[in-house]
Amino acid sequence: QVQLVESGGGSVQAGGSLRLSCAASGRSFSSTALAWFRQAPGKEREFVAAINWYGGTTYYTDSVKGRFTISRDNAKVTVYLQMNSLKPEDTAVYYCAAKYSGLVPPAAGYEYWGQGTQVTVSS
């Protein structure tokens, strides 16, 4: 079994920054792909960013390109999402996800999910 625990959410004004962390435990994480998704009130959950095991390949949804950066520390079994230039439309619950089936497709096939952390951006 795999456990994912997110942290780092909070409230920030537009233009500010936050860094989300997702600590993983349980089954070996060798060869996993890790990702961040988000769900705003009244909307479906959407893909934000994903990274492969070695950290050399990343994918982002268009709306966050140039503002968000996904990274991972395999020694700490943790994935991060650095969010800069935050906008009110980034307000959502952010979820960490993991899969063993390879990074592609980056927005689907995730087997394990965290409980989520709230990010609120005020104008």
PDB file of N, CA and C in Angstrom:
ATOM      1  N   GLN A   1       0.849  -1.190   0.000  1.00  0.00           N
ATOM      2  CA  GLN A   1       0.000   0.000   0.000  1.00  0.00           C
ATOM      3  C   GLN A   1       0.885   1.240   0.000  1.00  0.00           C
ATOM      4  N   VAL A   2       0.332   2.320  -0.498  1.00  0.00           N
ATOM      5  CA  VAL A   2       1.059   3.583  -0.623  1.00  0.00           C
ATOM      6  C   VAL A   2       0.284   4.666   0.106  1.00  0.00           C
ATOM      7  N   GLN A   3       1.000   5.483   0.849  1.00  0.00           N
ATOM      8  CA  GLN A   3       0.386   6.636   1.511  1.00  0.00           C
ATOM      9  C   GLN A   3       1.048   7.913   1.000  1.00  0.00           C
ATOM     10  N   LEU A   4       0.211   8.874   0.676  1.00  0.00           N
ATOM     11  CA  LEU A   4       0.676  10.179   0.211  1.00  0.00           C
ATOM     12  C   LEU A   4       0.082  11.242   1.121  1.00  0.00           C
ATOM     13  N   VAL A   5       0.928  12.111   1.647  1.00  0.00           N
ATOM     14  CA  VAL A   5       0.462  13.144   2.565  1.00  0.00           C
ATOM     15  C   VAL A   5       0.951  14.503   2.070  1.00  0.00           C
ATOM     16  N   GLU A   6       0.002  15.355   1.704  1.00  0.00           N
ATOM     17  CA  GLU A   6       0.329  16.691   1.220  1.00  0.00           C
ATOM     18  C   GLU A   6       0.416  17.674   2.376  1.00  0.00           C
ATOM     19  N   SER A   7       1.198  18.717   2.172  1.00  0.00           N
ATOM     20  CA  SER A   7       1.293  19.819   3.125  1.00  0.00           C
ATOM     21  C   SER A   7       1.719  21.068   2.374  1.00  0.00           C
ATOM     22  N   GLY A   8       1.615  22.208   3.051  1.00  0.00           N
ATOM     23  CA  GLY A   8       2.092  23.453   2.470  1.00  0.00           C
ATOM     24  C   GLY A   8       1.019  24.359   1.914  1.00  0.00           C
ATOM     25  N   GLY A   9      -0.218  23.911   1.941  1.00  0.00           N
ATOM     26  CA  GLY A   9      -1.281  24.778   1.465  1.00  0.00           C
ATOM     27  C   GLY A   9      -1.524  25.940   2.414  1.00  0.00           C
ATOM     28  N   GLY A  10      -2.344  26.877   1.958  1.00  0.00           N
ATOM     29  CA  GLY A  10      -2.653  28.029   2.798  1.00  0.00           C
ATOM     30  C   GLY A  10      -3.312  29.114   1.985  1.00  0.00           C
ATOM     31  N   SER A  11      -3.370  30.296   2.580  1.00  0.00           N
ATOM     32  CA  SER A  11      -3.972  31.456   1.931  1.00  0.00           C
ATOM     33  C   SER A  11      -2.888  32.454   1.576  1.00  0.00           C
ATOM     34  N   VAL A  12      -2.994  33.009   0.384  1.00  0.00           N
ATOM     35  CA  VAL A  12      -1.997  33.959  -0.091  1.00  0.00           C
ATOM     36  C   VAL A  12      -2.679  34.963  -1.008  1.00  0.00           C
ATOM     37  N   GLN A  13      -2.108  36.139  -1.112  1.00  0.00           N
ATOM     38  CA  GLN A  13      -2.654  37.129  -2.026  1.00  0.00           C
ATOM     39  C   GLN A  13      -2.152  36.867  -3.447  1.00  0.00           C
ATOM     40  N   ALA A  14      -2.897  37.361  -4.400  1.00  0.00           N
ATOM     41  CA  ALA A  14      -2.501  37.215  -5.797  1.00  0.00           C
ATOM     42  C   ALA A  14      -1.090  37.760  -6.006  1.00  0.00           C
ATOM     43  N   GLY A  15      -0.309  37.016  -6.784  1.00  0.00           N
ATOM     44  CA  GLY A  15       1.087  37.377  -6.999  1.00  0.00           C
ATOM     45  C   GLY A  15       2.046  36.709  -6.045  1.00  0.00           C
ATOM     46  N   GLY A  16       1.519  36.104  -5.007  1.00  0.00           N
ATOM     47  CA  GLY A  16       2.355  35.453  -4.011  1.00  0.00           C
ATOM     48  C   GLY A  16       2.778  34.057  -4.422  1.00  0.00           C
ATOM     49  N   SER A  17       3.465  33.378  -3.490  1.00  0.00           N
ATOM     50  CA  SER A  17       4.013  32.047  -3.764  1.00  0.00           C
ATOM     51  C   SER A  17       3.683  31.091  -2.625  1.00  0.00           C
ATOM     52  N   LEU A  18       3.610  29.821  -2.972  1.00  0.00           N
ATOM     53  CA  LEU A  18       3.486  28.740  -2.004  1.00  0.00           C
ATOM     54  C   LEU A  18       4.262  27.547  -2.535  1.00  0.00           C
ATOM     55  N   ARG A  19       4.738  26.698  -1.632  1.00  0.00           N
ATOM     56  CA  ARG A  19       5.355  25.447  -2.046  1.00  0.00           C
ATOM     57  C   ARG A  19       4.637  24.304  -1.368  1.00  0.00           C
ATOM     58  N   LEU A  20       4.069  23.435  -2.174  1.00  0.00           N
ATOM     59  CA  LEU A  20       3.403  22.245  -1.674  1.00  0.00           C
ATOM     60  C   LEU A  20       4.398  21.087  -1.623  1.00  0.00           C
ATOM     61  N   SER A  21       4.220  20.245  -0.621  1.00  0.00           N
ATOM     62  CA  SER A  21       5.038  19.037  -0.488  1.00  0.00           C
ATOM     63  C   SER A  21       4.127  17.831  -0.393  1.00  0.00           C
ATOM     64  N   CYS A  22       4.619  16.711  -0.873  1.00  0.00           N
ATOM     65  CA  CYS A  22       3.875  15.455  -0.774  1.00  0.00           C
ATOM     66  C   CYS A  22       4.866  14.378  -0.364  1.00  0.00           C
ATOM     67  N   ALA A  23       4.717  13.900   0.839  1.00  0.00           N
ATOM     68  CA  ALA A  23       5.587  12.857   1.364  1.00  0.00           C
ATOM     69  C   ALA A  23       4.951  11.495   1.125  1.00  0.00           C
ATOM     70  N   ALA A  24       5.725  10.583   0.562  1.00  0.00           N
ATOM     71  CA  ALA A  24       5.218   9.258   0.233  1.00  0.00           C
ATOM     72  C   ALA A  24       5.819   8.209   1.157  1.00  0.00           C
ATOM     73  N   SER A  25       5.044   7.181   1.426  1.00  0.00           N
ATOM     74  CA  SER A  25       5.527   6.075   2.236  1.00  0.00           C
ATOM     75  C   SER A  25       4.816   4.797   1.820  1.00  0.00           C
ATOM     76  N   GLY A  26       5.385   3.671   2.260  1.00  0.00           N
ATOM     77  CA  GLY A  26       4.780   2.393   1.935  1.00  0.00           C
ATOM     78  C   GLY A  26       5.607   1.633   0.926  1.00  0.00           C
ATOM     79  N   ARG A  27       4.988   1.220  -0.132  1.00  0.00           N
ATOM     80  CA  ARG A  27       5.612   0.440  -1.191  1.00  0.00           C
ATOM     81  C   ARG A  27       6.784   1.190  -1.817  1.00  0.00           C
ATOM     82  N   SER A  28       7.749   0.474  -2.355  1.00  0.00           N
ATOM     83  CA  SER A  28       8.890   1.085  -3.018  1.00  0.00           C
ATOM     84  C   SER A  28       8.444   2.056  -4.102  1.00  0.00           C
ATOM     85  N   PHE A  29       9.117   3.205  -4.173  1.00  0.00           N
ATOM     86  CA  PHE A  29       8.753   4.217  -5.154  1.00  0.00           C
ATOM     87  C   PHE A  29       9.664   4.230  -6.375  1.00  0.00           C
ATOM     88  N   SER A  30      10.437   3.215  -6.502  1.00  0.00           N
ATOM     89  CA  SER A  30      11.270   3.117  -7.688  1.00  0.00           C
ATOM     90  C   SER A  30      10.400   3.078  -8.924  1.00  0.00           C
ATOM     91  N   SER A  31      10.735   3.908  -9.903  1.00  0.00           N
ATOM     92  CA  SER A  31      10.044   3.969 -11.194  1.00  0.00           C
ATOM     93  C   SER A  31       8.635   4.564 -11.133  1.00  0.00           C
ATOM     94  N   THR A  32       8.302   5.239 -10.068  1.00  0.00           N
ATOM     95  CA  THR A  32       6.971   5.858 -10.027  1.00  0.00           C
ATOM     96  C   THR A  32       6.964   7.181 -10.774  1.00  0.00           C
ATOM     97  N   ALA A  33       5.807   7.529 -11.288  1.00  0.00           N
ATOM     98  CA  ALA A  33       5.537   8.883 -11.752  1.00  0.00           C
ATOM     99  C   ALA A  33       4.692   9.545 -10.686  1.00  0.00           C
ATOM    100  N   LEU A  34       4.981  10.804 -10.415  1.00  0.00           N
ATOM    101  CA  LEU A  34       4.238  11.556  -9.402  1.00  0.00           C
ATOM    102  C   LEU A  34       3.640  12.792 -10.046  1.00  0.00           C
ATOM    103  N   ALA A  35       2.498  13.200  -9.543  1.00  0.00           N
ATOM    104  CA  ALA A  35       1.786  14.311 -10.164  1.00  0.00           C
ATOM    105  C   ALA A  35       1.017  15.115  -9.133  1.00  0.00           C
ATOM    106  N   TRP A  36       0.634  16.306  -9.544  1.00  0.00           N
ATOM    107  CA  TRP A  36      -0.272  17.154  -8.794  1.00  0.00           C
ATOM    108  C   TRP A  36      -1.522  17.392  -9.639  1.00  0.00           C
ATOM    109  N   PHE A  37      -2.658  17.289  -8.984  1.00  0.00           N
ATOM    110  CA  PHE A  37      -3.944  17.634  -9.565  1.00  0.00           C
ATOM    111  C   PHE A  37      -4.586  18.676  -8.658  1.00  0.00           C
ATOM    112  N   ARG A  38      -5.642  19.310  -9.133  1.00  0.00           N
ATOM    113  CA  ARG A  38      -6.379  20.248  -8.294  1.00  0.00           C
ATOM    114  C   ARG A  38      -7.857  20.201  -8.640  1.00  0.00           C
ATOM    115  N   GLN A  39      -8.661  20.569  -7.652  1.00  0.00           N
ATOM    116  CA  GLN A  39     -10.101  20.616  -7.851  1.00  0.00           C
ATOM    117  C   GLN A  39     -10.651  21.864  -7.188  1.00  0.00           C
ATOM    118  N   ALA A  40     -11.219  22.728  -7.996  1.00  0.00           N
ATOM    119  CA  ALA A  40     -11.854  23.945  -7.497  1.00  0.00           C
ATOM    120  C   ALA A  40     -13.315  23.645  -7.188  1.00  0.00           C
ATOM    121  N   PRO A  41     -13.941  24.448  -6.326  1.00  0.00           N
ATOM    122  CA  PRO A  41     -15.354  24.218  -5.980  1.00  0.00           C
ATOM    123  C   PRO A  41     -16.233  24.206  -7.219  1.00  0.00           C
ATOM    124  N   GLY A  42     -17.048  23.179  -7.337  1.00  0.00           N
ATOM    125  CA  GLY A  42     -17.970  23.080  -8.452  1.00  0.00           C
ATOM    126  C   GLY A  42     -17.363  22.655  -9.767  1.00  0.00           C
ATOM    127  N   LYS A  43     -16.078  22.318  -9.755  1.00  0.00           N
ATOM    128  CA  LYS A  43     -15.398  21.914 -10.988  1.00  0.00           C
ATOM    129  C   LYS A  43     -14.823  20.514 -10.862  1.00  0.00           C
ATOM    130  N   GLU A  44     -14.510  19.923 -11.993  1.00  0.00           N
ATOM    131  CA  GLU A  44     -13.884  18.607 -11.993  1.00  0.00           C
ATOM    132  C   GLU A  44     -12.404  18.741 -11.629  1.00  0.00           C
ATOM    133  N   ARG A  45     -11.865  17.659 -11.126  1.00  0.00           N
ATOM    134  CA  ARG A  45     -10.439  17.626 -10.824  1.00  0.00           C
ATOM    135  C   ARG A  45      -9.645  17.735 -12.125  1.00  0.00           C
ATOM    136  N   GLU A  46      -8.584  18.529 -12.112  1.00  0.00           N
ATOM    137  CA  GLU A  46      -7.786  18.719 -13.309  1.00  0.00           C
ATOM    138  C   GLU A  46      -6.309  18.481 -13.041  1.00  0.00           C
ATOM    139  N   PHE A  47      -5.621  18.045 -14.068  1.00  0.00           N
ATOM    140  CA  PHE A  47      -4.191  17.797 -14.016  1.00  0.00           C
ATOM    141  C   PHE A  47      -3.442  19.125 -13.919  1.00  0.00           C
ATOM    142  N   VAL A  48      -2.397  19.156 -13.105  1.00  0.00           N
ATOM    143  CA  VAL A  48      -1.573  20.356 -12.974  1.00  0.00           C
ATOM    144  C   VAL A  48      -0.158  20.096 -13.503  1.00  0.00           C
ATOM    145  N   ALA A  49       0.509  19.077 -12.964  1.00  0.00           N
ATOM    146  CA  ALA A  49       1.899  18.814 -13.355  1.00  0.00           C
ATOM    147  C   ALA A  49       2.262  17.380 -13.001  1.00  0.00           C
ATOM    148  N   ALA A  50       3.261  16.834 -13.705  1.00  0.00           N
ATOM    149  CA  ALA A  50       3.729  15.480 -13.432  1.00  0.00           C
ATOM    150  C   ALA A  50       5.221  15.398 -13.674  1.00  0.00           C
ATOM    151  N   ILE A  51       5.853  14.410 -13.020  1.00  0.00           N
ATOM    152  CA  ILE A  51       7.296  14.237 -13.129  1.00  0.00           C
ATOM    153  C   ILE A  51       7.630  12.760 -13.101  1.00  0.00           C
ATOM    154  N   ASN A  52       8.666  12.372 -13.849  1.00  0.00           N
ATOM    155  CA  ASN A  52       9.040  10.964 -13.851  1.00  0.00           C
ATOM    156  C   ASN A  52       9.991  10.661 -12.699  1.00  0.00           C
ATOM    157  N   TRP A  53      10.381   9.380 -12.579  1.00  0.00           N
ATOM    158  CA  TRP A  53      11.195   8.951 -11.444  1.00  0.00           C
ATOM    159  C   TRP A  53      12.523   9.691 -11.375  1.00  0.00           C
ATOM    160  N   TYR A  54      13.149   9.884 -12.501  1.00  0.00           N
ATOM    161  CA  TYR A  54      14.470  10.503 -12.496  1.00  0.00           C
ATOM    162  C   TYR A  54      14.413  12.028 -12.416  1.00  0.00           C
ATOM    163  N   GLY A  55      13.218  12.569 -12.573  1.00  0.00           N
ATOM    164  CA  GLY A  55      13.071  14.010 -12.468  1.00  0.00           C
ATOM    165  C   GLY A  55      13.448  14.763 -13.722  1.00  0.00           C
ATOM    166  N   GLY A  56      13.807  14.033 -14.786  1.00  0.00           N
ATOM    167  CA  GLY A  56      14.249  14.707 -15.987  1.00  0.00           C
ATOM    168  C   GLY A  56      13.147  15.053 -16.953  1.00  0.00           C
ATOM    169  N   THR A  57      11.973  14.534 -16.737  1.00  0.00           N
ATOM    170  CA  THR A  57      10.843  14.802 -17.630  1.00  0.00           C
ATOM    171  C   THR A  57       9.676  15.325 -16.821  1.00  0.00           C
ATOM    172  N   THR A  58       9.149  16.447 -17.252  1.00  0.00           N
ATOM    173  CA  THR A  58       8.010  17.056 -16.568  1.00  0.00           C
ATOM    174  C   THR A  58       6.949  17.466 -17.579  1.00  0.00           C
ATOM    175  N   TYR A  59       5.726  17.513 -17.107  1.00  0.00           N
ATOM    176  CA  TYR A  59       4.601  17.986 -17.913  1.00  0.00           C
ATOM    177  C   TYR A  59       3.810  18.981 -17.066  1.00  0.00           C
ATOM    178  N   TYR A  60       3.233  19.966 -17.734  1.00  0.00           N
ATOM    179  CA  TYR A  60       2.412  20.968 -17.056  1.00  0.00           C
ATOM    180  C   TYR A  60       1.171  21.262 -17.873  1.00  0.00           C
ATOM    181  N   THR A  61       0.088  21.554 -17.191  1.00  0.00           N
ATOM    182  CA  THR A  61      -1.051  22.081 -17.902  1.00  0.00           C
ATOM    183  C   THR A  61      -0.731  23.512 -18.342  1.00  0.00           C
ATOM    184  N   ASP A  62      -1.322  23.949 -19.439  1.00  0.00           N
ATOM    185  CA  ASP A  62      -0.939  25.241 -20.024  1.00  0.00           C
ATOM    186  C   ASP A  62      -1.100  26.407 -19.062  1.00  0.00           C
ATOM    187  N   SER A  63      -2.124  26.368 -18.222  1.00  0.00           N
ATOM    188  CA  SER A  63      -2.432  27.519 -17.373  1.00  0.00           C
ATOM    189  C   SER A  63      -1.385  27.767 -16.289  1.00  0.00           C
ATOM    190  N   VAL A  64      -0.508  26.814 -16.022  1.00  0.00           N
ATOM    191  CA  VAL A  64       0.493  26.999 -14.965  1.00  0.00           C
ATOM    192  C   VAL A  64       1.916  27.056 -15.509  1.00  0.00           C
ATOM    193  N   LYS A  65       2.095  26.845 -16.787  1.00  0.00           N
ATOM    194  CA  LYS A  65       3.439  26.873 -17.373  1.00  0.00           C
ATOM    195  C   LYS A  65       4.097  28.226 -17.133  1.00  0.00           C
ATOM    196  N   GLY A  66       5.355  28.191 -16.697  1.00  0.00           N
ATOM    197  CA  GLY A  66       6.082  29.409 -16.398  1.00  0.00           C
ATOM    198  C   GLY A  66       5.853  29.936 -15.001  1.00  0.00           C
ATOM    199  N   ARG A  67       4.867  29.394 -14.296  1.00  0.00           N
ATOM    200  CA  ARG A  67       4.582  29.854 -12.926  1.00  0.00           C
ATOM    201  C   ARG A  67       4.818  28.753 -11.894  1.00  0.00           C
ATOM    202  N   PHE A  68       4.511  27.512 -12.245  1.00  0.00           N
ATOM    203  CA  PHE A  68       4.648  26.384 -11.321  1.00  0.00           C
ATOM    204  C   PHE A  68       5.829  25.513 -11.746  1.00  0.00           C
ATOM    205  N   THR A  69       6.482  24.908 -10.750  1.00  0.00           N
ATOM    206  CA  THR A  69       7.570  23.972 -11.015  1.00  0.00           C
ATOM    207  C   THR A  69       7.398  22.735 -10.144  1.00  0.00           C
ATOM    208  N   ILE A  70       7.389  21.575 -10.782  1.00  0.00           N
ATOM    209  CA  ILE A  70       7.318  20.315 -10.049  1.00  0.00           C
ATOM    210  C   ILE A  70       8.726  19.746  -9.936  1.00  0.00           C
ATOM    211  N   SER A  71       9.029  19.173  -8.781  1.00  0.00           N
ATOM    212  CA  SER A  71      10.338  18.556  -8.572  1.00  0.00           C
ATOM    213  C   SER A  71      10.173  17.411  -7.573  1.00  0.00           C
ATOM    214  N   ARG A  72      11.184  16.591  -7.450  1.00  0.00           N
ATOM    215  CA  ARG A  72      11.104  15.479  -6.511  1.00  0.00           C
ATOM    216  C   ARG A  72      12.469  15.223  -5.893  1.00  0.00           C
ATOM    217  N   ASP A  73      12.438  14.730  -4.672  1.00  0.00           N
ATOM    218  CA  ASP A  73      13.633  14.325  -3.947  1.00  0.00           C
ATOM    219  C   ASP A  73      13.447  12.854  -3.619  1.00  0.00           C
ATOM    220  N   ASN A  74      14.074  11.983  -4.398  1.00  0.00           N
ATOM    221  CA  ASN A  74      13.857  10.548  -4.210  1.00  0.00           C
ATOM    222  C   ASN A  74      14.447  10.044  -2.895  1.00  0.00           C
ATOM    223  N   ALA A  75      15.487  10.689  -2.403  1.00  0.00           N
ATOM    224  CA  ALA A  75      16.047  10.286  -1.114  1.00  0.00           C
ATOM    225  C   ALA A  75      15.041  10.526   0.006  1.00  0.00           C
ATOM    226  N   LYS A  76      14.274  11.574  -0.117  1.00  0.00           N
ATOM    227  CA  LYS A  76      13.249  11.894   0.884  1.00  0.00           C
ATOM    228  C   LYS A  76      11.884  11.358   0.480  1.00  0.00           C
ATOM    229  N   VAL A  77      11.796  10.780  -0.695  1.00  0.00           N
ATOM    230  CA  VAL A  77      10.534  10.257  -1.241  1.00  0.00           C
ATOM    231  C   VAL A  77       9.457  11.345  -1.140  1.00  0.00           C
ATOM    232  N   THR A  78       9.776  12.486  -1.678  1.00  0.00           N
ATOM    233  CA  THR A  78       8.892  13.646  -1.593  1.00  0.00           C
ATOM    234  C   THR A  78       8.842  14.335  -2.953  1.00  0.00           C
ATOM    235  N   VAL A  79       7.655  14.801  -3.309  1.00  0.00           N
ATOM    236  CA  VAL A  79       7.481  15.599  -4.515  1.00  0.00           C
ATOM    237  C   VAL A  79       6.998  16.980  -4.108  1.00  0.00           C
ATOM    238  N   TYR A  80       7.452  17.983  -4.829  1.00  0.00           N
ATOM    239  CA  TYR A  80       7.132  19.371  -4.498  1.00  0.00           C
ATOM    240  C   TYR A  80       6.423  20.039  -5.663  1.00  0.00           C
ATOM    241  N   LEU A  81       5.671  21.072  -5.340  1.00  0.00           N
ATOM    242  CA  LEU A  81       5.100  21.942  -6.351  1.00  0.00           C
ATOM    243  C   LEU A  81       5.341  23.375  -5.893  1.00  0.00           C
ATOM    244  N   GLN A  82       6.287  24.026  -6.550  1.00  0.00           N
ATOM    245  CA  GLN A  82       6.545  25.440  -6.278  1.00  0.00           C
ATOM    246  C   GLN A  82       5.596  26.257  -7.126  1.00  0.00           C
ATOM    247  N   MET A  83       4.795  27.089  -6.486  1.00  0.00           N
ATOM    248  CA  MET A  83       3.784  27.882  -7.181  1.00  0.00           C
ATOM    249  C   MET A  83       4.098  29.352  -7.001  1.00  0.00           C
ATOM    250  N   ASN A  84       4.409  30.016  -8.078  1.00  0.00           N
ATOM    251  CA  ASN A  84       4.713  31.444  -8.064  1.00  0.00           C
ATOM    252  C   ASN A  84       3.661  32.212  -8.852  1.00  0.00           C
ATOM    253  N   SER A  85       3.633  33.508  -8.658  1.00  0.00           N
ATOM    254  CA  SER A  85       2.686  34.375  -9.385  1.00  0.00           C
ATOM    255  C   SER A  85       1.272  33.807  -9.313  1.00  0.00           C
ATOM    256  N   LEU A  86       0.856  33.458  -8.132  1.00  0.00           N
ATOM    257  CA  LEU A  86      -0.449  32.826  -7.957  1.00  0.00           C
ATOM    258  C   LEU A  86      -1.578  33.774  -8.332  1.00  0.00           C
ATOM    259  N   LYS A  87      -2.631  33.166  -8.872  1.00  0.00           N
ATOM    260  CA  LYS A  87      -3.815  33.909  -9.307  1.00  0.00           C
ATOM    261  C   LYS A  87      -5.038  33.380  -8.557  1.00  0.00           C
ATOM    262  N   PRO A  88      -6.079  34.194  -8.434  1.00  0.00           N
ATOM    263  CA  PRO A  88      -7.296  33.697  -7.775  1.00  0.00           C
ATOM    264  C   PRO A  88      -7.830  32.416  -8.403  1.00  0.00           C
ATOM    265  N   GLU A  89      -7.656  32.245  -9.698  1.00  0.00           N
ATOM    266  CA  GLU A  89      -8.143  31.034 -10.360  1.00  0.00           C
ATOM    267  C   GLU A  89      -7.325  29.793 -10.023  1.00  0.00           C
ATOM    268  N   ASP A  90      -6.230  29.953  -9.297  1.00  0.00           N
ATOM    269  CA  ASP A  90      -5.474  28.804  -8.807  1.00  0.00           C
ATOM    270  C   ASP A  90      -6.067  28.246  -7.513  1.00  0.00           C
ATOM    271  N   THR A  91      -7.052  28.929  -6.966  1.00  0.00           N
ATOM    272  CA  THR A  91      -7.685  28.462  -5.739  1.00  0.00           C
ATOM    273  C   THR A  91      -8.325  27.094  -5.956  1.00  0.00           C
ATOM    274  N   ALA A  92      -7.950  26.131  -5.122  1.00  0.00           N
ATOM    275  CA  ALA A  92      -8.434  24.762  -5.266  1.00  0.00           C
ATOM    276  C   ALA A  92      -7.859  23.903  -4.142  1.00  0.00           C
ATOM    277  N   VAL A  93      -8.378  22.691  -4.052  1.00  0.00           N
ATOM    278  CA  VAL A  93      -7.722  21.676  -3.243  1.00  0.00           C
ATOM    279  C   VAL A  93      -6.725  20.967  -4.164  1.00  0.00           C
ATOM    280  N   TYR A  94      -5.489  20.885  -3.719  1.00  0.00           N
ATOM    281  CA  TYR A  94      -4.427  20.280  -4.518  1.00  0.00           C
ATOM    282  C   TYR A  94      -4.132  18.878  -3.994  1.00  0.00           C
ATOM    283  N   TYR A  95      -4.091  17.931  -4.928  1.00  0.00           N
ATOM    284  CA  TYR A  95      -3.876  16.526  -4.598  1.00  0.00           C
ATOM    285  C   TYR A  95      -2.587  16.019  -5.220  1.00  0.00           C
ATOM    286  N   CYS A  96      -1.886  15.216  -4.470  1.00  0.00           N
ATOM    287  CA  CYS A  96      -0.722  14.493  -4.960  1.00  0.00           C
ATOM    288  C   CYS A  96      -1.178  13.106  -5.407  1.00  0.00           C
ATOM    289  N   ALA A  97      -0.543  12.584  -6.464  1.00  0.00           N
ATOM    290  CA  ALA A  97      -0.918  11.274  -6.982  1.00  0.00           C
ATOM    291  C   ALA A  97       0.319  10.534  -7.459  1.00  0.00           C
ATOM    292  N   ALA A  98       0.247   9.202  -7.439  1.00  0.00           N
ATOM    293  CA  ALA A  98       1.377   8.369  -7.856  1.00  0.00           C
ATOM    294  C   ALA A  98       0.888   7.196  -8.689  1.00  0.00           C
ATOM    295  N   LYS A  99       1.752   6.756  -9.610  1.00  0.00           N
ATOM    296  CA  LYS A  99       1.442   5.562 -10.396  1.00  0.00           C
ATOM    297  C   LYS A  99       2.738   4.854 -10.750  1.00  0.00           C
ATOM    298  N   TYR A 100       2.630   3.564 -11.037  1.00  0.00           N
ATOM    299  CA  TYR A 100       3.776   2.743 -11.390  1.00  0.00           C
ATOM    300  C   TYR A 100       3.808   2.390 -12.861  1.00  0.00           C
ATOM    301  N   SER A 101       2.857   2.930 -13.623  1.00  0.00           N
ATOM    302  CA  SER A 101       2.705   2.492 -15.008  1.00  0.00           C
ATOM    303  C   SER A 101       3.432   3.375 -16.006  1.00  0.00           C
ATOM    304  N   GLY A 102       4.335   4.231 -15.535  1.00  0.00           N
ATOM    305  CA  GLY A 102       5.036   5.107 -16.454  1.00  0.00           C
ATOM    306  C   GLY A 102       4.393   6.481 -16.528  1.00  0.00           C
ATOM    307  N   LEU A 103       5.189   7.477 -16.901  1.00  0.00           N
ATOM    308  CA  LEU A 103       4.724   8.853 -16.872  1.00  0.00           C
ATOM    309  C   LEU A 103       3.669   9.143 -17.937  1.00  0.00           C
ATOM    310  N   VAL A 104       3.778   8.519 -19.084  1.00  0.00           N
ATOM    311  CA  VAL A 104       2.861   8.803 -20.185  1.00  0.00           C
ATOM    312  C   VAL A 104       1.685   7.818 -20.152  1.00  0.00           C
ATOM    313  N   PRO A 105       0.437   8.294 -20.246  1.00  0.00           N
ATOM    314  CA  PRO A 105       0.051   9.706 -20.319  1.00  0.00           C
ATOM    315  C   PRO A 105       0.173  10.390 -18.958  1.00  0.00           C
ATOM    316  N   PRO A 106       0.612  11.620 -18.915  1.00  0.00           N
ATOM    317  CA  PRO A 106       0.909  12.275 -17.649  1.00  0.00           C
ATOM    318  C   PRO A 106      -0.315  12.645 -16.824  1.00  0.00           C
ATOM    319  N   ALA A 107      -1.484  12.730 -17.441  1.00  0.00           N
ATOM    320  CA  ALA A 107      -2.665  13.189 -16.729  1.00  0.00           C
ATOM    321  C   ALA A 107      -3.637  12.080 -16.373  1.00  0.00           C
ATOM    322  N   ALA A 108      -3.245  10.826 -16.553  1.00  0.00           N
ATOM    323  CA  ALA A 108      -4.181   9.731 -16.297  1.00  0.00           C
ATOM    324  C   ALA A 108      -3.461   8.497 -15.743  1.00  0.00           C
ATOM    325  N   GLY A 109      -4.235   7.599 -15.157  1.00  0.00           N
ATOM    326  CA  GLY A 109      -3.714   6.309 -14.722  1.00  0.00           C
ATOM    327  C   GLY A 109      -3.153   6.269 -13.325  1.00  0.00           C
ATOM    328  N   TYR A 110      -3.409   7.284 -12.529  1.00  0.00           N
ATOM    329  CA  TYR A 110      -2.847   7.332 -11.186  1.00  0.00           C
ATOM    330  C   TYR A 110      -3.613   6.416 -10.246  1.00  0.00           C
ATOM    331  N   GLU A 111      -2.838   5.657  -9.479  1.00  0.00           N
ATOM    332  CA  GLU A 111      -3.419   4.620  -8.617  1.00  0.00           C
ATOM    333  C   GLU A 111      -3.567   5.083  -7.177  1.00  0.00           C
ATOM    334  N   TYR A 112      -2.736   6.002  -6.750  1.00  0.00           N
ATOM    335  CA  TYR A 112      -2.720   6.404  -5.349  1.00  0.00           C
ATOM    336  C   TYR A 112      -2.881   7.921  -5.243  1.00  0.00           C
ATOM    337  N   TRP A 113      -3.630   8.327  -4.230  1.00  0.00           N
ATOM    338  CA  TRP A 113      -3.957   9.739  -4.055  1.00  0.00           C
ATOM    339  C   TRP A 113      -3.791  10.143  -2.597  1.00  0.00           C
ATOM    340  N   GLY A 114      -3.379  11.401  -2.409  1.00  0.00           N
ATOM    341  CA  GLY A 114      -3.350  11.964  -1.069  1.00  0.00           C
ATOM    342  C   GLY A 114      -4.707  12.533  -0.706  1.00  0.00           C
ATOM    343  N   GLN A 115      -4.776  13.108   0.483  1.00  0.00           N
ATOM    344  CA  GLN A 115      -6.052  13.626   0.980  1.00  0.00           C
ATOM    345  C   GLN A 115      -6.321  15.060   0.526  1.00  0.00           C
ATOM    346  N   GLY A 116      -5.294  15.727   0.024  1.00  0.00           N
ATOM    347  CA  GLY A 116      -5.471  17.084  -0.494  1.00  0.00           C
ATOM    348  C   GLY A 116      -5.069  18.159   0.491  1.00  0.00           C
ATOM    349  N   THR A 117      -4.685  19.295  -0.052  1.00  0.00           N
ATOM    350  CA  THR A 117      -4.364  20.475   0.760  1.00  0.00           C
ATOM    351  C   THR A 117      -4.959  21.691   0.070  1.00  0.00           C
ATOM    352  N   GLN A 118      -5.573  22.576   0.862  1.00  0.00           N
ATOM    353  CA  GLN A 118      -6.297  23.716   0.314  1.00  0.00           C
ATOM    354  C   GLN A 118      -5.338  24.858  -0.003  1.00  0.00           C
ATOM    355  N   VAL A 119      -5.497  25.424  -1.185  1.00  0.00           N
ATOM    356  CA  VAL A 119      -4.781  26.636  -1.592  1.00  0.00           C
ATOM    357  C   VAL A 119      -5.835  27.679  -1.932  1.00  0.00           C
ATOM    358  N   THR A 120      -5.737  28.835  -1.281  1.00  0.00           N
ATOM    359  CA  THR A 120      -6.681  29.920  -1.514  1.00  0.00           C
ATOM    360  C   THR A 120      -5.902  31.168  -1.893  1.00  0.00           C
ATOM    361  N   VAL A 121      -6.225  31.735  -3.043  1.00  0.00           N
ATOM    362  CA  VAL A 121      -5.551  32.931  -3.527  1.00  0.00           C
ATOM    363  C   VAL A 121      -6.577  34.050  -3.611  1.00  0.00           C
ATOM    364  N   SER A 122      -6.330  35.118  -2.883  1.00  0.00           N
ATOM    365  CA  SER A 122      -7.254  36.238  -2.858  1.00  0.00           C
ATOM    366  C   SER A 122      -6.751  37.370  -3.750  1.00  0.00           C
ATOM    367  N   SER A 123      -7.698  38.105  -4.302  1.00  0.00           N
ATOM    368  CA  SER A 123      -7.331  39.198  -5.221  1.00  0.00           C
ATOM    369  C   SER A 123      -7.093  40.485  -4.475  1.00  0.00           C
TER     370      SER A 123
END
